[in-house]
Protein backbone atom coordinates (compact mmCIF):
# COMPACT_ATOMS: atom_id res chain seq x y z
CA MET A 1 -0.30 0.04 0.50
CA SER A 2 1.59 3.38 -0.96
CA TYR A 3 1.86 6.11 1.31
CA GLY A 4 -1.16 8.38 -0.49
CA SER A 5 -3.20 5.15 -0.14
CA LYS A 6 -2.70 5.20 3.61
CA ALA A 7 -3.29 8.65 3.94
CA ALA A 8 -6.59 8.47 1.93
CA GLY A 9 -7.82 5.35 4.02
CA ARG A 10 -7.03 6.62 7.63
CA LEU A 11 -8.85 10.45 6.59
CA ALA A 12 -11.86 8.62 4.40
CA GLY A 13 -15.06 9.54 6.36
CA LYS A 14 -13.49 12.15 8.54
CA THR A 15 -14.77 15.82 9.69
CA ILE A 16 -12.60 18.39 9.54
CA LEU A 17 -13.17 21.75 10.77
CA ILE A 18 -10.77 24.74 9.82
CA THR A 19 -10.68 27.96 11.26
CA GLY A 20 -9.87 31.06 9.05
CA ALA A 21 -9.92 29.05 5.82
CA SER A 22 -11.07 31.63 3.58
CA ALA A 23 -7.06 32.53 2.53
CA GLY A 24 -3.38 31.21 2.92
CA ILE A 25 -3.04 28.49 5.28
CA GLY A 26 -6.25 27.78 6.18
CA GLU A 27 -7.48 27.78 2.67
CA ALA A 28 -4.63 25.46 1.46
CA THR A 29 -5.40 22.98 3.99
CA ALA A 30 -8.91 22.23 2.97
CA ILE A 31 -7.63 21.67 -0.37
CA GLU A 32 -4.45 19.88 0.82
CA TYR A 33 -7.09 17.31 2.79
CA ALA A 34 -9.53 17.33 -0.04
CA SER A 35 -6.43 16.06 -2.39
CA ALA A 36 -5.22 13.51 0.26
CA ALA A 37 -8.42 11.84 0.76
CA LYS A 38 -9.61 11.73 -2.66
CA GLY A 39 -12.41 13.86 -1.82
CA GLU A 40 -14.09 11.13 0.42
CA LEU A 41 -14.47 13.59 3.79
CA LYS A 42 -16.36 16.41 5.03
CA LEU A 43 -14.80 19.91 5.79
CA ILE A 44 -16.47 22.54 8.13
CA LEU A 45 -14.54 25.74 6.58
CA THR A 46 -15.11 28.98 8.85
CA ALA A 47 -13.64 32.64 8.60
CA ARG A 48 -14.89 36.19 8.56
CA ARG A 49 -15.70 36.00 4.68
CA LEU A 50 -18.25 34.05 3.35
CA GLU A 51 -18.16 34.74 0.00
CA LYS A 52 -14.29 33.76 -0.20
CA LEU A 53 -15.34 30.45 1.56
CA ASP A 54 -18.19 30.13 -0.90
CA SER A 55 -15.15 30.16 -3.70
CA VAL A 56 -13.49 27.59 -1.81
CA LYS A 57 -16.17 24.98 -1.35
CA SER A 58 -17.37 25.30 -5.08
CA LYS A 59 -13.58 24.71 -5.95
CA LEU A 60 -13.37 21.40 -4.17
CA GLU A 61 -16.99 20.28 -5.26
CA ALA A 62 -15.86 20.89 -9.20
CA GLU A 63 -12.77 18.66 -8.52
CA PHE A 64 -14.19 16.47 -5.67
CA PRO A 65 -17.62 15.32 -6.88
CA ASN A 66 -18.34 13.14 -3.52
CA ILE A 67 -16.70 15.70 -0.95
CA LYS A 68 -18.97 17.54 1.78
CA VAL A 69 -18.23 21.30 2.52
CA LEU A 70 -20.13 23.11 4.96
CA THR A 71 -19.02 26.73 5.15
CA VAL A 72 -20.17 29.42 7.77
CA LYS A 73 -18.77 33.12 8.76
CA LEU A 74 -17.46 32.95 11.88
CA ASP A 75 -14.59 35.75 13.88
CA VAL A 76 -13.21 33.67 16.57
CA SER A 77 -12.86 36.68 17.93
CA ASP A 78 -16.25 36.66 19.18
CA LEU A 79 -17.10 34.19 22.19
CA SER A 80 -20.85 34.42 21.70
CA ALA A 81 -20.57 33.80 17.70
CA ILE A 82 -18.40 30.20 18.53
CA GLU A 83 -20.73 29.20 21.17
CA LYS A 84 -23.63 29.65 18.23
CA PHE A 85 -21.77 28.20 15.94
CA PHE A 86 -21.32 24.91 17.56
CA LYS A 87 -25.04 24.72 18.63
CA GLU A 88 -26.04 25.34 15.31
CA LEU A 89 -23.68 22.80 13.26
CA PRO A 90 -25.98 20.66 11.29
CA GLU A 91 -26.08 17.12 12.24
CA GLU A 92 -24.46 15.65 9.75
CA PHE A 93 -21.20 17.58 10.25
CA SER A 94 -21.17 17.78 13.93
CA ASP A 95 -19.57 14.70 14.81
CA VAL A 96 -15.72 16.34 14.60
CA ASP A 97 -12.88 14.37 14.23
CA VAL A 98 -9.89 16.84 13.69
CA LEU A 99 -9.95 20.57 14.42
CA ILE A 100 -7.57 22.81 12.91
CA ASN A 101 -7.03 26.25 14.88
CA ASN A 102 -5.55 28.63 12.36
CA ALA A 103 -7.37 31.51 12.62
CA GLY A 104 -4.97 34.14 13.49
CA LEU A 105 -3.15 37.50 13.34
CA ALA A 106 -0.90 40.63 14.21
CA ARG A 107 -1.67 44.07 13.99
CA GLY A 108 1.03 46.44 13.16
CA VAL A 109 4.67 46.61 15.09
CA ALA A 110 4.28 49.30 17.60
CA LYS A 111 6.59 49.62 20.62
CA VAL A 112 5.27 49.14 24.01
CA GLY A 113 3.74 52.26 25.07
CA GLU A 114 2.60 52.79 21.34
CA ILE A 115 0.51 50.41 21.26
CA SER A 116 -3.53 50.62 20.13
CA GLN A 117 -5.23 49.00 22.74
CA ASP A 118 -7.71 47.81 20.35
CA ASP A 119 -4.79 46.35 18.21
CA ILE A 120 -4.08 44.32 21.69
CA ASP A 121 -7.49 43.40 22.21
CA SER A 122 -7.99 42.03 18.67
CA MET A 123 -4.91 39.85 18.74
CA PHE A 124 -5.60 38.07 22.15
CA ASN A 125 -9.36 37.87 21.48
CA THR A 126 -8.56 36.23 18.11
CA ASN A 127 -5.07 34.26 18.88
CA VAL A 128 -6.04 33.31 22.34
CA ARG A 129 -9.36 33.50 23.59
CA GLY A 130 -10.75 32.39 20.17
CA ASN A 131 -8.46 29.44 20.20
CA ILE A 132 -9.43 28.35 23.53
CA ALA A 133 -12.94 28.66 22.84
CA MET A 134 -12.75 26.26 20.00
CA VAL A 135 -10.85 23.80 21.74
CA GLN A 136 -13.36 24.41 25.23
CA HIS A 137 -16.30 23.46 22.98
CA LEU A 138 -14.97 20.86 20.77
CA LEU A 139 -12.97 18.80 23.87
CA PRO A 140 -16.07 17.11 25.48
CA LEU A 141 -16.85 15.35 22.40
CA PHE A 142 -13.52 14.09 21.65
CA LYS A 143 -13.20 13.12 25.26
CA LYS A 144 -17.15 10.80 24.73
CA LYS A 145 -15.45 9.34 21.81
CA ASN A 146 -11.98 9.26 22.90
CA SER A 147 -10.39 9.95 19.40
CA GLY A 148 -9.66 13.57 17.66
CA ASP A 149 -6.98 15.73 16.73
CA ILE A 150 -6.56 19.48 17.71
CA VAL A 151 -3.53 21.16 15.35
CA GLN A 152 -2.84 24.62 17.11
CA LEU A 153 -0.93 27.17 14.41
CA GLY A 154 1.58 28.44 16.48
CA SER A 155 4.67 30.23 15.67
CA VAL A 156 8.44 30.73 15.67
CA ALA A 157 7.12 34.17 17.80
CA GLY A 158 6.11 31.44 20.45
CA ARG A 159 9.35 30.74 20.96
CA GLU A 160 11.59 33.91 20.56
CA PRO A 161 10.03 37.50 20.95
CA TYR A 162 11.01 40.56 18.87
CA PRO A 163 10.98 44.15 19.01
CA GLY A 164 7.96 45.07 17.32
CA GLY A 165 6.01 42.31 18.19
CA SER A 166 5.70 42.26 21.98
CA ILE A 167 1.68 41.70 22.14
CA TYR A 168 1.70 39.18 18.90
CA CYS A 169 4.68 37.31 20.41
CA ALA A 170 2.92 37.23 23.88
CA THR A 171 -0.21 35.80 22.09
CA LYS A 172 1.79 33.08 20.84
CA HIS A 173 3.62 32.11 23.87
CA ALA A 174 0.27 31.77 25.49
CA LEU A 175 -0.92 29.35 23.01
CA ARG A 176 1.88 27.44 23.33
CA ALA A 177 1.83 27.51 27.03
CA PHE A 178 -2.05 26.51 26.96
CA THR A 179 -1.33 23.58 24.18
CA SER A 180 1.37 22.27 25.88
CA ALA A 181 -0.45 22.13 29.22
CA LEU A 182 -3.73 20.61 27.49
CA ARG A 183 -1.37 17.74 25.65
CA LYS A 184 -0.50 16.89 29.43
CA GLU A 185 -3.90 16.86 30.45
CA LEU A 186 -4.81 14.17 27.90
CA ILE A 187 -2.22 12.00 28.55
CA ASN A 188 -4.50 9.28 29.37
CA THR A 189 -6.41 9.58 26.18
CA LYS A 190 -6.22 9.00 22.44
CA ILE A 191 -6.50 12.51 21.74
CA ARG A 192 -3.59 13.96 19.32
CA ILE A 193 -2.54 17.97 20.22
CA ILE A 194 0.09 18.70 17.76
CA GLU A 195 1.21 22.49 17.23
CA ILE A 196 3.13 23.54 14.29
CA GLN A 197 5.31 26.77 14.53
CA PRO A 198 5.87 28.30 11.44
CA GLY A 199 8.25 31.05 10.67
CA ASN A 200 8.27 33.12 7.39
CA VAL A 201 5.37 32.49 5.47
CA GLU A 202 3.80 34.55 2.53
CA THR A 203 0.23 34.93 3.18
CA GLU A 204 -2.53 37.56 3.54
CA PHE A 205 -0.67 37.91 7.17
CA SER A 206 1.41 40.55 6.07
CA ASP A 207 -1.22 42.61 4.68
CA VAL A 208 -3.23 42.46 8.14
CA ARG A 209 -0.36 43.06 9.87
CA PHE A 210 0.20 46.20 8.15
CA TYR A 211 -3.14 47.40 7.89
CA GLY A 212 -3.56 46.64 4.44
CA ASP A 213 -0.56 48.66 2.98
CA LYS A 214 0.87 45.91 0.32
CA ASP A 215 3.99 47.66 -0.34
CA ALA A 216 4.82 47.23 3.12
CA ALA A 217 3.99 43.71 3.51
CA LYS A 218 5.85 42.70 0.38
CA LYS A 219 8.90 44.15 2.08
CA VAL A 220 8.60 41.60 4.49
CA TYR A 221 9.48 38.59 2.19
CA GLN A 222 11.36 41.00 -0.53
CA GLY A 223 15.22 39.08 -1.38
CA THR A 224 13.75 35.94 0.64
CA GLU A 225 12.34 32.48 -0.58
CA PRO A 226 9.66 32.26 1.99
CA LEU A 227 7.87 28.97 2.82
CA TYR A 228 4.07 29.30 1.62
CA ALA A 229 0.69 27.93 2.71
CA ASP A 230 0.87 24.87 0.74
CA ASP A 231 3.97 23.90 2.66
CA ILE A 232 2.55 24.45 6.15
CA ALA A 233 -0.84 22.82 4.70
CA GLU A 234 1.17 19.33 3.64
CA LEU A 235 2.42 19.02 7.17
CA ILE A 236 -0.86 19.39 8.81
CA VAL A 237 -2.38 16.78 6.72
CA PHE A 238 0.78 14.64 7.07
CA TYR A 239 0.80 14.87 10.80
CA THR A 240 -2.84 14.19 11.30
CA SER A 241 -2.96 10.64 8.77
CA ARG A 242 -0.45 9.31 10.94
CA LYS A 243 -1.64 5.93 12.75
CA GLN A 244 -3.30 6.94 16.25
CA ASN A 245 0.22 5.92 18.05
CA THR A 246 2.25 8.83 16.85
CA VAL A 247 1.86 12.21 17.67
CA VAL A 248 4.07 14.82 16.10
CA ALA A 249 3.81 17.09 19.50
CA GLU A 250 5.49 20.22 17.94
CA SER A 251 7.14 21.08 14.89
CA LEU A 252 9.34 24.16 14.48
CA VAL A 253 9.58 24.68 10.47
CA PHE A 254 11.63 27.52 8.33
CA ALA A 255 12.38 28.02 5.07
CA THR A 256 16.01 27.07 4.18
CA ASN A 257 16.94 31.00 4.53
CA GLN A 258 16.02 31.54 7.99
CA ALA A 259 17.18 30.25 11.39
CA SER A 260 14.94 32.33 13.79
CA PRO A 261 12.96 35.60 13.99
CA PHE A 262 16.04 37.82 13.84
CA HIS A 263 18.42 35.52 11.20
CA ILE A 264 16.52 35.63 8.07
CA TYR A 265 18.88 35.82 4.83
CA ARG A 266 18.14 37.88 2.36
CA ASN A 267 19.52 37.93 -1.60
CA SER A 268 20.33 41.55 -2.61
CA ASN A 269 20.75 40.67 -5.98
């Protein structure tokens, strides 16, 4: 049996919930799951931009006739919206097997003392409180059936803080601590807790960080060969399609020209 068929067999029939699925890593992960499972699974795609989600759904359904895709507008920074989301999940999609806690953002590069309170609230509410709320709502289901995967999208920023990233780094440190504690609490179960900590990934992330200033966003990646969304998506699907006794607890992922948040080789040519 080939690797591909093993992965397809393990993913077949599963229900995958992905937050922040309208673009970037979330969208790429939805596409990668559909491909790996040959369309034989269910996807719940959530994000704030429903029209983007529906576009992803249309593409997937056109390529994989057997796939089932549910799109739901959801802002994970709104805890009441998360509660409503789980209460209103259609029965066909209610038995979730894998949570990809991907939604997250950075806002600005201001130094401490100059940071907007709105930016602080936005980052903590999305990256920490929203993430935790998603886990809290799903964990009783996972415990009941003694199975399930939770994939947390962390960051190298959760290991090494950097100037101008104090709040974003703080949120990713908090997420890493929460995830580590969660893994220890579930050690006597078959629930897998996986954290992926990417380095420099070229997505809409920098557009959001620089408030839509695309020129500023492009400079982040200028002179580098960064990671791309599909690079991370491939890892997510690979880790969650391993045998149940295999847990990739943490994965720090760099492009070949990066060694830390501070050490990024840039080609000046």
